[in-house]
Amino acid sequence: MSELKARTHDEANGLDYILAGDYYIPAIELPEEDDRPIGKWGRMHRTYLEETNPLLLNHLILTGKLHSYLANLNEQAQNRCKLIIKQMAATEGVT
């Protein structure tokens, strides 16, 4: 019987595998963690995705992009909310 390599690469799916005992396990690394907060709007959008588009939610989770997607969405929603408040204040003539 031939000796198994400690590490191998599968061209079909592009993954690297590490030998653990008698089995090859995919060498999958988590993406670097984004330390930006998800916030209220990000949490609300995640709930919306769970209810309306679970395929997109699963894709974002499996590709490791969910946190950055929700953090970006939260920042955009906060900026839009601030802009709307400024516009309302200017229209009503309040400071």
PDB file of N, CA and C in Angstrom:
ATOM      1  N   MET A   1       0.849  -1.176   0.000  1.00  0.00           N
ATOM      2  CA  MET A   1       0.000   0.000   0.000  1.00  0.00           C
ATOM      3  C   MET A   1       0.893   1.238   0.000  1.00  0.00           C
ATOM      4  N   SER A   2       0.544   2.230  -0.795  1.00  0.00           N
ATOM      5  CA  SER A   2       1.361   3.439  -0.892  1.00  0.00           C
ATOM      6  C   SER A   2       1.040   4.403   0.249  1.00  0.00           C
ATOM      7  N   GLU A   3       2.001   5.226   0.556  1.00  0.00           N
ATOM      8  CA  GLU A   3       1.861   6.226   1.621  1.00  0.00           C
ATOM      9  C   GLU A   3       0.993   7.383   1.122  1.00  0.00           C
ATOM     10  N   LEU A   4       0.039   7.828   1.931  1.00  0.00           N
ATOM     11  CA  LEU A   4      -0.841   8.932   1.557  1.00  0.00           C
ATOM     12  C   LEU A   4      -0.138  10.260   1.802  1.00  0.00           C
ATOM     13  N   LYS A   5      -0.355  11.218   0.908  1.00  0.00           N
ATOM     14  CA  LYS A   5       0.218  12.553   1.056  1.00  0.00           C
ATOM     15  C   LYS A   5      -0.490  13.282   2.191  1.00  0.00           C
ATOM     16  N   ALA A   6       0.259  14.108   2.916  1.00  0.00           N
ATOM     17  CA  ALA A   6      -0.323  14.855   4.037  1.00  0.00           C
ATOM     18  C   ALA A   6      -1.272  15.949   3.546  1.00  0.00           C
ATOM     19  N   ARG A   7      -1.027  16.451   2.355  1.00  0.00           N
ATOM     20  CA  ARG A   7      -1.861  17.518   1.794  1.00  0.00           C
ATOM     21  C   ARG A   7      -2.032  17.262   0.305  1.00  0.00           C
ATOM     22  N   THR A   8      -3.250  17.477  -0.217  1.00  0.00           N
ATOM     23  CA  THR A   8      -3.507  17.269  -1.638  1.00  0.00           C
ATOM     24  C   THR A   8      -4.453  18.350  -2.142  1.00  0.00           C
ATOM     25  N   HIS A   9      -4.451  18.545  -3.455  1.00  0.00           N
ATOM     26  CA  HIS A   9      -5.307  19.550  -4.088  1.00  0.00           C
ATOM     27  C   HIS A   9      -6.176  18.863  -5.128  1.00  0.00           C
ATOM     28  N   ASP A  10      -7.482  19.160  -5.096  1.00  0.00           N
ATOM     29  CA  ASP A  10      -8.419  18.592  -6.059  1.00  0.00           C
ATOM     30  C   ASP A  10      -8.694  19.644  -7.140  1.00  0.00           C
ATOM     31  N   GLU A  11      -8.311  19.348  -8.372  1.00  0.00           N
ATOM     32  CA  GLU A  11      -8.497  20.287  -9.475  1.00  0.00           C
ATOM     33  C   GLU A  11      -9.977  20.443  -9.843  1.00  0.00           C
ATOM     34  N   ALA A  12     -10.781  19.425  -9.596  1.00  0.00           N
ATOM     35  CA  ALA A  12     -12.193  19.467  -9.987  1.00  0.00           C
ATOM     36  C   ALA A  12     -12.958  20.562  -9.239  1.00  0.00           C
ATOM     37  N   ASN A  13     -12.700  20.716  -7.934  1.00  0.00           N
ATOM     38  CA  ASN A  13     -13.424  21.722  -7.166  1.00  0.00           C
ATOM     39  C   ASN A  13     -12.526  22.832  -6.634  1.00  0.00           C
ATOM     40  N   GLY A  14     -11.219  22.709  -6.825  1.00  0.00           N
ATOM     41  CA  GLY A  14     -10.294  23.759  -6.418  1.00  0.00           C
ATOM     42  C   GLY A  14     -10.000  23.816  -4.932  1.00  0.00           C
ATOM     43  N   LEU A  15     -10.316  22.750  -4.199  1.00  0.00           N
ATOM     44  CA  LEU A  15     -10.082  22.745  -2.751  1.00  0.00           C
ATOM     45  C   LEU A  15      -8.813  21.988  -2.392  1.00  0.00           C
ATOM     46  N   ASP A  16      -8.190  22.411  -1.294  1.00  0.00           N
ATOM     47  CA  ASP A  16      -7.072  21.682  -0.718  1.00  0.00           C
ATOM     48  C   ASP A  16      -7.611  20.784   0.390  1.00  0.00           C
ATOM     49  N   TYR A  17      -6.973  19.634   0.557  1.00  0.00           N
ATOM     50  CA  TYR A  17      -7.390  18.687   1.588  1.00  0.00           C
ATOM     51  C   TYR A  17      -6.195  18.319   2.449  1.00  0.00           C
ATOM     52  N   ILE A  18      -6.453  18.120   3.747  1.00  0.00           N
ATOM     53  CA  ILE A  18      -5.431  17.733   4.714  1.00  0.00           C
ATOM     54  C   ILE A  18      -5.758  16.334   5.222  1.00  0.00           C
ATOM     55  N   LEU A  19      -4.737  15.499   5.339  1.00  0.00           N
ATOM     56  CA  LEU A  19      -4.925  14.141   5.820  1.00  0.00           C
ATOM     57  C   LEU A  19      -5.096  14.153   7.327  1.00  0.00           C
ATOM     58  N   ALA A  20      -6.213  13.594   7.798  1.00  0.00           N
ATOM     59  CA  ALA A  20      -6.483  13.468   9.231  1.00  0.00           C
ATOM     60  C   ALA A  20      -6.819  12.004   9.483  1.00  0.00           C
ATOM     61  N   GLY A  21      -5.858  11.258   9.990  1.00  0.00           N
ATOM     62  CA  GLY A  21      -6.052   9.823  10.174  1.00  0.00           C
ATOM     63  C   GLY A  21      -6.060   9.149   8.825  1.00  0.00           C
ATOM     64  N   ASP A  22      -7.160   8.510   8.472  1.00  0.00           N
ATOM     65  CA  ASP A  22      -7.299   7.849   7.177  1.00  0.00           C
ATOM     66  C   ASP A  22      -8.172   8.649   6.202  1.00  0.00           C
ATOM     67  N   TYR A  23      -8.564   9.850   6.595  1.00  0.00           N
ATOM     68  CA  TYR A  23      -9.504  10.626   5.783  1.00  0.00           C
ATOM     69  C   TYR A  23      -8.895  11.963   5.380  1.00  0.00           C
ATOM     70  N   TYR A  24      -9.291  12.440   4.219  1.00  0.00           N
ATOM     71  CA  TYR A  24      -8.931  13.782   3.787  1.00  0.00           C
ATOM     72  C   TYR A  24     -10.064  14.731   4.142  1.00  0.00           C
ATOM     73  N   ILE A  25      -9.721  15.811   4.834  1.00  0.00           N
ATOM     74  CA  ILE A  25     -10.693  16.809   5.273  1.00  0.00           C
ATOM     75  C   ILE A  25     -10.394  18.111   4.534  1.00  0.00           C
ATOM     76  N   PRO A  26     -11.416  18.800   4.012  1.00  0.00           N
ATOM     77  CA  PRO A  26     -11.167  20.058   3.299  1.00  0.00           C
ATOM     78  C   PRO A  26     -10.482  21.081   4.197  1.00  0.00           C
ATOM     79  N   ALA A  27      -9.481  21.751   3.651  1.00  0.00           N
ATOM     80  CA  ALA A  27      -8.756  22.793   4.380  1.00  0.00           C
ATOM     81  C   ALA A  27      -9.463  24.118   4.114  1.00  0.00           C
ATOM     82  N   ILE A  28     -10.534  24.371   4.859  1.00  0.00           N
ATOM     83  CA  ILE A  28     -11.335  25.573   4.677  1.00  0.00           C
ATOM     84  C   ILE A  28     -11.000  26.535   5.814  1.00  0.00           C
ATOM     85  N   GLU A  29     -10.705  27.779   5.439  1.00  0.00           N
ATOM     86  CA  GLU A  29     -10.402  28.793   6.440  1.00  0.00           C
ATOM     87  C   GLU A  29     -11.528  29.819   6.464  1.00  0.00           C
ATOM     88  N   LEU A  30     -11.830  30.301   7.631  1.00  0.00           N
ATOM     89  CA  LEU A  30     -12.837  31.348   7.755  1.00  0.00           C
ATOM     90  C   LEU A  30     -12.244  32.662   7.278  1.00  0.00           C
ATOM     91  N   PRO A  31     -13.061  33.503   6.662  1.00  0.00           N
ATOM     92  CA  PRO A  31     -12.547  34.805   6.222  1.00  0.00           C
ATOM     93  C   PRO A  31     -12.211  35.668   7.431  1.00  0.00           C
ATOM     94  N   GLU A  32     -11.379  36.688   7.208  1.00  0.00           N
ATOM     95  CA  GLU A  32     -11.047  37.591   8.300  1.00  0.00           C
ATOM     96  C   GLU A  32     -12.316  38.261   8.802  1.00  0.00           C
ATOM     97  N   GLU A  33     -12.438  38.335  10.110  1.00  0.00           N
ATOM     98  CA  GLU A  33     -13.655  38.865  10.710  1.00  0.00           C
ATOM     99  C   GLU A  33     -13.711  40.381  10.548  1.00  0.00           C
ATOM    100  N   ASP A  34     -14.859  40.852  10.154  1.00  0.00           N
ATOM    101  CA  ASP A  34     -15.127  42.268  10.001  1.00  0.00           C
ATOM    102  C   ASP A  34     -15.649  42.756  11.347  1.00  0.00           C
ATOM    103  N   ASP A  35     -15.007  43.759  11.936  1.00  0.00           N
ATOM    104  CA  ASP A  35     -15.393  44.192  13.273  1.00  0.00           C
ATOM    105  C   ASP A  35     -16.455  45.289  13.278  1.00  0.00           C
ATOM    106  N   ARG A  36     -16.999  45.620  12.110  1.00  0.00           N
ATOM    107  CA  ARG A  36     -18.059  46.622  12.061  1.00  0.00           C
ATOM    108  C   ARG A  36     -19.348  46.024  12.624  1.00  0.00           C
ATOM    109  N   PRO A  37     -20.137  46.832  13.325  1.00  0.00           N
ATOM    110  CA  PRO A  37     -21.391  46.302  13.877  1.00  0.00           C
ATOM    111  C   PRO A  37     -22.438  46.097  12.792  1.00  0.00           C
ATOM    112  N   ILE A  38     -23.280  45.102  13.008  1.00  0.00           N
ATOM    113  CA  ILE A  38     -24.379  44.843  12.075  1.00  0.00           C
ATOM    114  C   ILE A  38     -25.529  45.807  12.362  1.00  0.00           C
ATOM    115  N   GLY A  39     -25.801  46.074  13.601  1.00  0.00           N
ATOM    116  CA  GLY A  39     -26.797  47.071  13.979  1.00  0.00           C
ATOM    117  C   GLY A  39     -28.239  46.641  13.716  1.00  0.00           C
ATOM    118  N   LYS A  40     -29.123  47.588  13.986  1.00  0.00           N
ATOM    119  CA  LYS A  40     -30.570  47.347  13.873  1.00  0.00           C
ATOM    120  C   LYS A  40     -30.970  46.996  12.444  1.00  0.00           C
ATOM    121  N   TRP A  41     -30.517  47.791  11.479  1.00  0.00           N
ATOM    122  CA  TRP A  41     -30.939  47.601  10.093  1.00  0.00           C
ATOM    123  C   TRP A  41     -30.385  46.302   9.519  1.00  0.00           C
ATOM    124  N   GLY A  42     -29.164  45.932   9.888  1.00  0.00           N
ATOM    125  CA  GLY A  42     -28.593  44.672   9.437  1.00  0.00           C
ATOM    126  C   GLY A  42     -29.352  43.470   9.982  1.00  0.00           C
ATOM    127  N   ARG A  43     -29.711  43.534  11.268  1.00  0.00           N
ATOM    128  CA  ARG A  43     -30.488  42.444  11.865  1.00  0.00           C
ATOM    129  C   ARG A  43     -31.863  42.324  11.225  1.00  0.00           C
ATOM    130  N   MET A  44     -32.485  43.482  10.950  1.00  0.00           N
ATOM    131  CA  MET A  44     -33.797  43.461  10.302  1.00  0.00           C
ATOM    132  C   MET A  44     -33.698  42.871   8.892  1.00  0.00           C
ATOM    133  N   HIS A  45     -32.631  43.201   8.180  1.00  0.00           N
ATOM    134  CA  HIS A  45     -32.480  42.681   6.823  1.00  0.00           C
ATOM    135  C   HIS A  45     -32.192  41.182   6.836  1.00  0.00           C
ATOM    136  N   ARG A  46     -31.445  40.726   7.839  1.00  0.00           N
ATOM    137  CA  ARG A  46     -31.197  39.285   7.933  1.00  0.00           C
ATOM    138  C   ARG A  46     -32.516  38.536   8.153  1.00  0.00           C
ATOM    139  N   THR A  47     -33.369  39.058   9.002  1.00  0.00           N
ATOM    140  CA  THR A  47     -34.682  38.450   9.225  1.00  0.00           C
ATOM    141  C   THR A  47     -35.502  38.466   7.932  1.00  0.00           C
ATOM    142  N   TYR A  48     -35.422  39.568   7.214  1.00  0.00           N
ATOM    143  CA  TYR A  48     -36.122  39.661   5.929  1.00  0.00           C
ATOM    144  C   TYR A  48     -35.606  38.595   4.957  1.00  0.00           C
ATOM    145  N   LEU A  49     -34.273  38.417   4.885  1.00  0.00           N
ATOM    146  CA  LEU A  49     -33.705  37.397   4.002  1.00  0.00           C
ATOM    147  C   LEU A  49     -34.132  35.993   4.420  1.00  0.00           C
ATOM    148  N   GLU A  50     -34.184  35.735   5.717  1.00  0.00           N
ATOM    149  CA  GLU A  50     -34.622  34.418   6.195  1.00  0.00           C
ATOM    150  C   GLU A  50     -36.039  34.109   5.723  1.00  0.00           C
ATOM    151  N   GLU A  51     -36.895  35.123   5.717  1.00  0.00           N
ATOM    152  CA  GLU A  51     -38.296  34.917   5.358  1.00  0.00           C
ATOM    153  C   GLU A  51     -38.529  34.907   3.852  1.00  0.00           C
ATOM    154  N   THR A  52     -37.807  35.739   3.098  1.00  0.00           N
ATOM    155  CA  THR A  52     -38.127  35.924   1.689  1.00  0.00           C
ATOM    156  C   THR A  52     -37.129  35.318   0.717  1.00  0.00           C
ATOM    157  N   ASN A  53     -35.849  35.235   1.092  1.00  0.00           N
ATOM    158  CA  ASN A  53     -34.842  34.761   0.150  1.00  0.00           C
ATOM    159  C   ASN A  53     -33.798  33.901   0.867  1.00  0.00           C
ATOM    160  N   PRO A  54     -34.180  32.721   1.342  1.00  0.00           N
ATOM    161  CA  PRO A  54     -33.226  31.888   2.073  1.00  0.00           C
ATOM    162  C   PRO A  54     -32.060  31.396   1.208  1.00  0.00           C
ATOM    163  N   LEU A  55     -32.243  31.325  -0.108  1.00  0.00           N
ATOM    164  CA  LEU A  55     -31.134  30.912  -0.970  1.00  0.00           C
ATOM    165  C   LEU A  55     -30.011  31.937  -0.955  1.00  0.00           C
ATOM    166  N   LEU A  56     -30.347  33.213  -1.034  1.00  0.00           N
ATOM    167  CA  LEU A  56     -29.329  34.259  -0.960  1.00  0.00           C
ATOM    168  C   LEU A  56     -28.665  34.257   0.410  1.00  0.00           C
ATOM    169  N   LEU A  57     -29.455  34.094   1.455  1.00  0.00           N
ATOM    170  CA  LEU A  57     -28.901  34.045   2.805  1.00  0.00           C
ATOM    171  C   LEU A  57     -27.906  32.898   2.942  1.00  0.00           C
ATOM    172  N   ASN A  58     -28.259  31.714   2.468  1.00  0.00           N
ATOM    173  CA  ASN A  58     -27.343  30.572   2.536  1.00  0.00           C
ATOM    174  C   ASN A  58     -26.092  30.812   1.713  1.00  0.00           C
ATOM    175  N   HIS A  59     -26.239  31.418   0.543  1.00  0.00           N
ATOM    176  CA  HIS A  59     -25.072  31.714  -0.288  1.00  0.00           C
ATOM    177  C   HIS A  59     -24.118  32.670   0.429  1.00  0.00           C
ATOM    178  N   LEU A  60     -24.665  33.711   1.046  1.00  0.00           N
ATOM    179  CA  LEU A  60     -23.828  34.666   1.770  1.00  0.00           C
ATOM    180  C   LEU A  60     -23.135  34.014   2.967  1.00  0.00           C
ATOM    181  N   ILE A  61     -23.836  33.134   3.649  1.00  0.00           N
ATOM    182  CA  ILE A  61     -23.230  32.436   4.793  1.00  0.00           C
ATOM    183  C   ILE A  61     -22.109  31.527   4.325  1.00  0.00           C
ATOM    184  N   LEU A  62     -22.366  30.738   3.285  1.00  0.00           N
ATOM    185  CA  LEU A  62     -21.375  29.767   2.824  1.00  0.00           C
ATOM    186  C   LEU A  62     -20.150  30.416   2.194  1.00  0.00           C
ATOM    187  N   THR A  63     -20.311  31.593   1.607  1.00  0.00           N
ATOM    188  CA  THR A  63     -19.159  32.277   1.022  1.00  0.00           C
ATOM    189  C   THR A  63     -18.453  33.173   2.028  1.00  0.00           C
ATOM    190  N   GLY A  64     -19.014  33.308   3.222  1.00  0.00           N
ATOM    191  CA  GLY A  64     -18.383  34.108   4.268  1.00  0.00           C
ATOM    192  C   GLY A  64     -18.568  35.600   4.085  1.00  0.00           C
ATOM    193  N   LYS A  65     -19.572  36.014   3.327  1.00  0.00           N
ATOM    194  CA  LYS A  65     -19.779  37.429   3.036  1.00  0.00           C
ATOM    195  C   LYS A  65     -20.962  38.032   3.780  1.00  0.00           C
ATOM    196  N   LEU A  66     -21.636  37.253   4.605  1.00  0.00           N
ATOM    197  CA  LEU A  66     -22.859  37.736   5.250  1.00  0.00           C
ATOM    198  C   LEU A  66     -22.588  38.925   6.165  1.00  0.00           C
ATOM    199  N   HIS A  67     -21.567  38.829   7.005  1.00  0.00           N
ATOM    200  CA  HIS A  67     -21.315  39.894   7.977  1.00  0.00           C
ATOM    201  C   HIS A  67     -20.995  41.217   7.282  1.00  0.00           C
ATOM    202  N   SER A  68     -20.120  41.190   6.293  1.00  0.00           N
ATOM    203  CA  SER A  68     -19.771  42.438   5.603  1.00  0.00           C
ATOM    204  C   SER A  68     -20.969  42.976   4.820  1.00  0.00           C
ATOM    205  N   TYR A  69     -21.781  42.086   4.242  1.00  0.00           N
ATOM    206  CA  TYR A  69     -22.989  42.498   3.516  1.00  0.00           C
ATOM    207  C   TYR A  69     -23.945  43.226   4.459  1.00  0.00           C
ATOM    208  N   LEU A  70     -24.179  42.651   5.639  1.00  0.00           N
ATOM    209  CA  LEU A  70     -25.110  43.267   6.593  1.00  0.00           C
ATOM    210  C   LEU A  70     -24.531  44.548   7.187  1.00  0.00           C
ATOM    211  N   ALA A  71     -23.213  44.588   7.422  1.00  0.00           N
ATOM    212  CA  ALA A  71     -22.589  45.802   7.955  1.00  0.00           C
ATOM    213  C   ALA A  71     -22.676  46.936   6.939  1.00  0.00           C
ATOM    214  N   ASN A  72     -22.431  46.633   5.659  1.00  0.00           N
ATOM    215  CA  ASN A  72     -22.559  47.658   4.616  1.00  0.00           C
ATOM    216  C   ASN A  72     -23.995  48.168   4.539  1.00  0.00           C
ATOM    217  N   LEU A  73     -24.957  47.258   4.580  1.00  0.00           N
ATOM    218  CA  LEU A  73     -26.359  47.636   4.514  1.00  0.00           C
ATOM    219  C   LEU A  73     -26.731  48.512   5.709  1.00  0.00           C
ATOM    220  N   ASN A  74     -26.230  48.174   6.885  1.00  0.00           N
ATOM    221  CA  ASN A  74     -26.528  48.951   8.085  1.00  0.00           C
ATOM    222  C   ASN A  74     -25.979  50.375   7.953  1.00  0.00           C
ATOM    223  N   GLU A  75     -24.754  50.512   7.443  1.00  0.00           N
ATOM    224  CA  GLU A  75     -24.165  51.841   7.266  1.00  0.00           C
ATOM    225  C   GLU A  75     -24.961  52.673   6.260  1.00  0.00           C
ATOM    226  N   GLN A  76     -25.383  52.042   5.167  1.00  0.00           N
ATOM    227  CA  GLN A  76     -26.171  52.752   4.161  1.00  0.00           C
ATOM    228  C   GLN A  76     -27.510  53.207   4.739  1.00  0.00           C
ATOM    229  N   ALA A  77     -28.158  52.347   5.510  1.00  0.00           N
ATOM    230  CA  ALA A  77     -29.453  52.694   6.103  1.00  0.00           C
ATOM    231  C   ALA A  77     -29.300  53.817   7.128  1.00  0.00           C
ATOM    232  N   GLN A  78     -28.229  53.787   7.922  1.00  0.00           N
ATOM    233  CA  GLN A  78     -28.012  54.858   8.898  1.00  0.00           C
ATOM    234  C   GLN A  78     -27.769  56.190   8.200  1.00  0.00           C
ATOM    235  N   ASN A  79     -26.961  56.169   7.140  1.00  0.00           N
ATOM    236  CA  ASN A  79     -26.695  57.405   6.402  1.00  0.00           C
ATOM    237  C   ASN A  79     -27.968  57.944   5.764  1.00  0.00           C
ATOM    238  N   ARG A  80     -28.784  57.063   5.225  1.00  0.00           N
ATOM    239  CA  ARG A  80     -30.040  57.481   4.597  1.00  0.00           C
ATOM    240  C   ARG A  80     -30.999  58.055   5.641  1.00  0.00           C
ATOM    241  N   CYS A  81     -31.046  57.449   6.811  1.00  0.00           N
ATOM    242  CA  CYS A  81     -31.915  57.938   7.892  1.00  0.00           C
ATOM    243  C   CYS A  81     -31.475  59.333   8.342  1.00  0.00           C
ATOM    244  N   LYS A  82     -30.171  59.540   8.497  1.00  0.00           N
ATOM    245  CA  LYS A  82     -29.655  60.858   8.879  1.00  0.00           C
ATOM    246  C   LYS A  82     -29.999  61.902   7.825  1.00  0.00           C
ATOM    247  N   LEU A  83     -29.866  61.544   6.556  1.00  0.00           N
ATOM    248  CA  LEU A  83     -30.180  62.462   5.472  1.00  0.00           C
ATOM    249  C   LEU A  83     -31.661  62.841   5.485  1.00  0.00           C
ATOM    250  N   ILE A  84     -32.526  61.858   5.692  1.00  0.00           N
ATOM    251  CA  ILE A  84     -33.965  62.134   5.730  1.00  0.00           C
ATOM    252  C   ILE A  84     -34.305  63.046   6.898  1.00  0.00           C
ATOM    253  N   ILE A  85     -33.681  62.829   8.050  1.00  0.00           N
ATOM    254  CA  ILE A  85     -33.941  63.680   9.226  1.00  0.00           C
ATOM    255  C   ILE A  85     -33.494  65.108   8.954  1.00  0.00           C
ATOM    256  N   LYS A  86     -32.316  65.288   8.312  1.00  0.00           N
ATOM    257  CA  LYS A  86     -31.843  66.633   7.971  1.00  0.00           C
ATOM    258  C   LYS A  86     -32.790  67.309   6.992  1.00  0.00           C
ATOM    259  N   GLN A  87     -33.271  66.568   6.010  1.00  0.00           N
ATOM    260  CA  GLN A  87     -34.194  67.140   5.031  1.00  0.00           C
ATOM    261  C   GLN A  87     -35.514  67.531   5.685  1.00  0.00           C
ATOM    262  N   MET A  88     -36.012  66.697   6.599  1.00  0.00           N
ATOM    263  CA  MET A  88     -37.254  67.031   7.305  1.00  0.00           C
ATOM    264  C   MET A  88     -37.066  68.265   8.178  1.00  0.00           C
ATOM    265  N   ALA A  89     -35.924  68.375   8.846  1.00  0.00           N
ATOM    266  CA  ALA A  89     -35.660  69.525   9.689  1.00  0.00           C
ATOM    267  C   ALA A  89     -35.575  70.805   8.852  1.00  0.00           C
ATOM    268  N   ALA A  90     -34.925  70.724   7.690  1.00  0.00           N
ATOM    269  CA  ALA A  90     -34.819  71.884   6.823  1.00  0.00           C
ATOM    270  C   ALA A  90     -36.191  72.301   6.279  1.00  0.00           C
ATOM    271  N   THR A  91     -37.019  71.332   5.941  1.00  0.00           N
ATOM    272  CA  THR A  91     -38.350  71.621   5.417  1.00  0.00           C
ATOM    273  C   THR A  91     -39.231  72.269   6.474  1.00  0.00           C
ATOM    274  N   GLU A  92     -39.143  71.802   7.712  1.00  0.00           N
ATOM    275  CA  GLU A  92     -39.977  72.337   8.796  1.00  0.00           C
ATOM    276  C   GLU A  92     -39.366  73.580   9.417  1.00  0.00           C
ATOM    277  N   GLY A  93     -38.108  73.883   9.093  1.00  0.00           N
ATOM    278  CA  GLY A  93     -37.479  75.097   9.617  1.00  0.00           C
ATOM    279  C   GLY A  93     -37.033  74.958  11.063  1.00  0.00           C
ATOM    280  N   VAL A  94     -36.702  73.733  11.504  1.00  0.00           N
ATOM    281  CA  VAL A  94     -36.225  73.535  12.882  1.00  0.00           C
ATOM    282  C   VAL A  94     -34.726  73.257  12.861  1.00  0.00           C
ATOM    283  N   THR A  95     -34.097  73.527  14.012  1.00  0.00           N
ATOM    284  CA  THR A  95     -32.657  73.273  14.106  1.00  0.00           C
ATOM    285  C   THR A  95     -32.383  72.177  15.100  1.00  0.00           C
TER     286      THR A  95
END
